[in-house]
């Protein structure tokens, strides 16, 4: 086990000891799509939150067309599908596809949008620059993606020890480099000014930016400026700035990047945060 992984295990044990995307510690089991089709109680859960059978059958058909092998079920307090995340636009189902565990985002029937195709296309763009969960397949109402285990950034920052400055720098450098990559392809995530639930820190200390539901193509993307604003003004800003030994972050540096998002202005942001990008380079 390498130094980073060893350090993470130490931190994780001191913190929650759980994976963020696992909403319950109960044991789960798999059920094939064929079995699911005959189990109405479980089947209608695909149509969250209404349970409309017509919509559930549509989701089942799309899962079959993408060759999903099975979905996961928990049995307490009663049998139910293993949802590992719930949001305004979709629910995340734990599933198996091509012999690997995946996360399947299913469009909520009450989401207010008609399809997840645009979100999948934004994810595909992000993946082209090595950002976000890996996109495996998608349909009108379902996105199959990499199953990410880790701790959300908010909880990670809350629980990290003040002595673990090196770990903080590893994670923050990587997050900033990833947001820079998104800026470089003109893809604006749209929700990183409140990054609490949109960044997951994996066991290997690699942060993953999640949820591209509000992402859009923009001539002036705000990924770097949004994440920096979260770091220097968000709920953990005192702790972050103290650990990085930053007394007064010059807002002018951020304004300069916003006006001219060139590589040199990005590096100035890193320097002002006492981050050198030694642990995460743009070419990673």
Foldseek 3Di string as FASTA:
>chain_A
DDPLLVVLVVLCVQFPVFWLLQPDPADKDKDFLVRLVVVLVAQLVLQPPPSDNVVSVVVSVVCVVQQFGTFMWGQPPHTYFRFSADDLFWTWTWTHHPRDIWIKTFGHPPNPDFFCVVLLVLVVVLVVQPAAFAWDDGDGGMTITHDATAAFPQSSLVRDDLVVLVLVLLLVLLQLLSLLSCVVQQKAQPPLLQRRRQWGQGSSRHIHGDDSPPIDRHPQHCSNVSNVNCCCPNPNVVSQCVSLVQDDQDCVLSVVCSVPVDPVSSCVNCVNSVHRCPNPDSVD
